[in-house]
Amino acid sequence: MCIELSGEKVALFNVGGAVYAIADACTHVGGSLSEGEVDGTVVTCPLHGATFDLTTGNVTGPPAASSVTRYEVRVEGDAIQVAAQ
């Protein structure tokens, strides 16, 4: 899912009960990562197939050349808290 945090779009992912948050825009041409396919802790951009590690925000496959911002996440009960950068 995509949320807005301090004016930035942030993609949230629940992978086996662990919640990760990264910038929603792919660094290649801005594809929405929240709409991408997830395999383990890697998300694939739906536009051109760049891949990013959800745990670090690091780019793991082209055509993107740079990482996305990763946000700290804390889950308390039903609330998900995301720390703004």
Protein backbone atom coordinates (compact mmCIF):
# COMPACT_ATOMS: atom_id res chain seq x y z
CA MET A 1 0.00 0.00 0.00
CA CYS A 2 1.04 3.61 -0.48
CA ILE A 3 0.75 6.30 2.21
CA GLU A 4 1.80 9.94 2.35
CA LEU A 5 4.26 10.96 5.06
CA SER A 6 5.44 14.55 5.39
CA GLY A 7 4.57 15.16 1.73
CA GLU A 8 6.40 12.06 0.49
CA LYS A 9 4.80 8.92 -0.93
CA VAL A 10 5.90 5.86 1.04
CA ALA A 11 5.29 2.23 0.07
CA LEU A 12 4.44 -0.17 2.89
CA PHE A 13 4.95 -3.91 2.55
CA ASN A 14 3.93 -6.74 4.89
CA VAL A 15 6.18 -9.74 4.29
CA GLY A 16 5.37 -12.62 6.58
CA GLY A 17 4.32 -10.28 9.37
CA ALA A 18 7.35 -7.98 9.06
CA VAL A 19 6.47 -4.48 7.81
CA TYR A 20 8.88 -2.53 5.60
CA ALA A 21 8.66 1.04 4.31
CA ILE A 22 10.55 2.53 1.37
CA ALA A 23 10.05 5.52 -0.92
CA ASP A 24 7.28 4.67 -3.38
CA ALA A 25 8.98 6.10 -6.50
CA CYS A 26 11.48 3.97 -8.40
CA THR A 27 14.72 5.88 -8.97
CA HIS A 28 14.72 4.94 -12.66
CA VAL A 29 11.64 6.84 -13.91
CA GLY A 30 9.37 7.05 -10.88
CA GLY A 31 7.25 3.91 -11.15
CA SER A 32 5.10 3.19 -8.10
CA LEU A 33 6.88 0.49 -6.10
CA SER A 34 3.76 -0.13 -4.00
CA GLU A 35 2.23 -1.54 -7.20
CA GLY A 36 5.20 -3.85 -7.87
CA GLU A 37 5.54 -7.59 -7.39
CA VAL A 38 7.17 -8.78 -4.17
CA ASP A 39 9.32 -11.91 -3.94
CA GLY A 40 10.65 -12.42 -0.43
CA THR A 41 12.11 -9.04 0.54
CA VAL A 42 12.62 -7.79 -3.03
CA VAL A 43 10.14 -5.61 -4.91
CA THR A 44 10.14 -5.26 -8.70
CA CYS A 45 9.12 -1.95 -10.26
CA PRO A 46 6.06 -2.48 -12.48
CA LEU A 47 7.36 -0.16 -15.22
CA HIS A 48 10.80 -1.45 -16.25
CA GLY A 49 11.69 -4.20 -13.79
CA ALA A 50 14.23 -2.54 -11.50
CA THR A 51 14.46 -4.36 -8.18
CA PHE A 52 14.94 -3.07 -4.64
CA ASP A 53 15.64 -4.73 -1.28
CA LEU A 54 12.81 -3.88 1.13
CA THR A 55 15.06 -4.23 4.17
CA THR A 56 17.62 -1.64 3.02
CA GLY A 57 16.16 0.27 0.08
CA ASN A 58 19.21 -0.73 -1.95
CA VAL A 59 18.80 -1.26 -5.68
CA THR A 60 19.42 -4.92 -6.54
CA GLY A 61 18.79 -4.88 -10.28
CA PRO A 62 18.75 -2.54 -13.28
CA PRO A 63 17.71 -0.33 -14.87
CA ALA A 64 17.66 1.77 -11.65
CA ALA A 65 21.14 2.89 -10.61
CA SER A 66 20.45 4.29 -7.14
CA SER A 67 18.70 3.17 -3.98
CA VAL A 68 15.42 4.44 -2.53
CA THR A 69 14.93 5.85 0.95
CA ARG A 70 14.16 3.29 3.64
CA TYR A 71 12.03 4.33 6.63
CA GLU A 72 12.09 2.94 10.15
CA VAL A 73 8.88 1.08 11.01
CA ARG A 74 7.41 0.12 14.38
CA VAL A 75 4.25 -1.95 14.80
CA GLU A 76 2.29 -1.56 18.03
CA GLY A 77 -0.90 -3.58 18.09
CA ASP A 78 -2.87 -2.58 14.99
CA ALA A 79 -0.91 0.68 14.53
CA ILE A 80 1.98 1.02 12.11
CA GLN A 81 4.34 3.89 12.90
CA VAL A 82 6.69 5.12 10.18
CA ALA A 83 9.51 7.52 11.04
CA ALA A 84 9.85 10.47 8.68
CA GLN A 85 13.33 11.11 7.31
